[in-house]
Amino acid sequence: MKEWLERAEISLAMAMKAVDVAGGIPRENMYMLAPLFYSKISHMNNDNLIDEMVAVNEVLFKRDCSHDENSKHQYKFHYVSSYLYCYVVAGKIDEKEYDRVMDYLNGEMDLF
């Protein structure tokens, strides 16, 4: 599990830096960067898979926000969740493993 924590922390730091440097990107949209950083960290150049990750993460984000509109302000959580879900879309882990890892990351990282 420590490996997942390291991956999530590195990716989150990259996303936070990118948002800070870019300036005009709202933190609430940071989750949209997750497939790009997944691709970079995993050395994956499959545009079709990246597009699928973007689409799936958009649906999941909107679904979460439909239950609680204030959820969109939990940008660290949504980013890490989206980043980890890229592993599901890529077929590297299943949803059960995703849930297990997210539970662990929620306990180890300051996502809220």
Protein backbone atom coordinates (compact mmCIF):
# COMPACT_ATOMS: atom_id res chain seq x y z
CA MET A 1 0.00 0.00 0.00
CA LYS A 2 2.90 2.33 0.61
CA GLU A 3 3.62 2.27 -3.14
CA TRP A 4 0.10 3.60 -3.81
CA LEU A 5 0.63 6.36 -1.29
CA GLU A 6 3.89 7.39 -2.95
CA ARG A 7 2.30 7.36 -6.41
CA ALA A 8 -0.67 9.41 -5.24
CA GLU A 9 1.51 11.94 -3.41
CA ILE A 10 3.84 12.40 -6.38
CA SER A 11 0.97 12.77 -8.82
CA LEU A 12 -0.94 15.17 -6.56
CA ALA A 13 2.18 17.33 -6.12
CA MET A 14 2.64 17.44 -9.90
CA ALA A 15 -0.99 18.47 -10.40
CA MET A 16 -0.86 21.14 -7.69
CA LYS A 17 2.31 22.58 -9.22
CA ALA A 18 0.77 22.56 -12.71
CA VAL A 19 -2.31 24.43 -11.48
CA ASP A 20 -0.17 26.96 -9.64
CA VAL A 21 2.11 27.54 -12.64
CA ALA A 22 -0.72 27.71 -15.18
CA GLY A 23 -2.60 30.22 -13.10
CA GLY A 24 -5.98 30.15 -14.85
CA ILE A 25 -7.00 26.56 -14.05
CA PRO A 26 -9.54 26.40 -11.21
CA ARG A 27 -8.52 23.88 -8.56
CA GLU A 28 -11.99 22.35 -8.90
CA ASN A 29 -10.96 21.18 -12.40
CA MET A 30 -7.68 19.66 -11.29
CA TYR A 31 -9.17 16.15 -11.58
CA MET A 32 -9.06 16.64 -15.36
CA LEU A 33 -5.25 16.50 -15.22
CA ALA A 34 -5.24 13.00 -13.71
CA PRO A 35 -5.15 11.08 -17.02
CA LEU A 36 -2.30 13.26 -18.28
CA PHE A 37 -0.18 12.63 -15.21
CA TYR A 38 -1.13 8.95 -15.18
CA SER A 39 0.14 8.80 -18.77
CA LYS A 40 3.35 10.62 -17.91
CA ILE A 41 4.13 8.61 -14.77
CA SER A 42 3.20 5.29 -16.41
CA HIS A 43 5.02 6.10 -19.67
CA MET A 44 1.82 5.42 -21.61
CA ASN A 45 1.11 7.10 -24.96
CA ASN A 46 -2.27 5.68 -25.90
CA ASP A 47 -4.46 8.64 -26.91
CA ASN A 48 -7.61 6.51 -27.08
CA LEU A 49 -7.07 5.25 -23.53
CA ILE A 50 -6.35 8.78 -22.29
CA ASP A 51 -9.59 9.98 -23.92
CA GLU A 52 -11.48 7.15 -22.20
CA MET A 53 -9.94 8.08 -18.85
CA VAL A 54 -10.94 11.71 -19.35
CA ALA A 55 -14.53 10.74 -20.20
CA VAL A 56 -14.91 8.27 -17.33
CA ASN A 57 -13.43 10.67 -14.77
CA GLU A 58 -15.74 13.44 -15.97
CA VAL A 59 -18.78 11.21 -15.43
CA LEU A 60 -17.60 10.16 -11.97
CA PHE A 61 -16.86 13.75 -10.94
CA LYS A 62 -20.27 14.98 -12.11
CA ARG A 63 -21.98 12.08 -10.35
CA ASP A 64 -20.21 12.89 -7.07
CA CYS A 65 -21.12 16.57 -7.39
CA SER A 66 -24.75 15.73 -8.13
CA HIS A 67 -25.02 14.28 -4.63
CA ASP A 68 -23.32 17.27 -2.99
CA GLU A 69 -22.55 20.42 -4.98
CA ASN A 70 -19.96 21.48 -2.41
CA SER A 71 -18.07 18.29 -3.22
CA LYS A 72 -16.42 20.10 -6.14
CA HIS A 73 -14.36 22.07 -3.62
CA GLN A 74 -12.69 18.85 -2.44
CA TYR A 75 -10.23 19.12 -5.33
CA LYS A 76 -7.46 17.03 -3.74
CA PHE A 77 -9.84 14.14 -3.14
CA HIS A 78 -11.26 14.32 -6.66
CA TYR A 79 -7.81 14.50 -8.19
CA VAL A 80 -6.47 11.48 -6.29
CA SER A 81 -9.68 9.55 -6.94
CA SER A 82 -9.48 10.35 -10.66
CA TYR A 83 -5.79 9.50 -10.83
CA LEU A 84 -6.35 6.16 -9.16
CA TYR A 85 -9.39 5.44 -11.35
CA CYS A 86 -7.12 5.73 -14.39
CA TYR A 87 -5.62 2.42 -13.22
CA VAL A 88 -9.11 0.90 -13.38
CA VAL A 89 -9.73 2.22 -16.90
CA ALA A 90 -6.31 0.92 -17.97
CA GLY A 91 -7.16 -2.52 -16.57
CA LYS A 92 -4.32 -2.45 -14.02
CA ILE A 93 -6.66 -2.85 -11.03
CA ASP A 94 -10.34 -3.65 -10.57
CA GLU A 95 -12.95 -1.56 -8.77
CA LYS A 96 -12.64 -3.60 -5.59
CA GLU A 97 -8.91 -2.85 -5.42
CA TYR A 98 -9.65 0.79 -6.27
CA ASP A 99 -12.01 1.03 -3.28
CA ARG A 100 -9.46 -0.62 -1.00
CA VAL A 101 -6.65 1.71 -2.11
CA MET A 102 -8.86 4.82 -1.88
CA ASP A 103 -9.83 3.87 1.67
CA TYR A 104 -6.15 3.59 2.52
CA LEU A 105 -5.24 6.87 0.82
CA ASN A 106 -8.09 8.69 2.57
CA GLY A 107 -6.60 7.61 5.89
CA GLU A 108 -3.03 8.52 4.97
CA MET A 109 -3.37 11.75 2.98
CA ASP A 110 -4.91 15.12 3.78
CA LEU A 111 -7.46 15.15 0.95
CA PHE A 112 -10.11 17.32 2.57
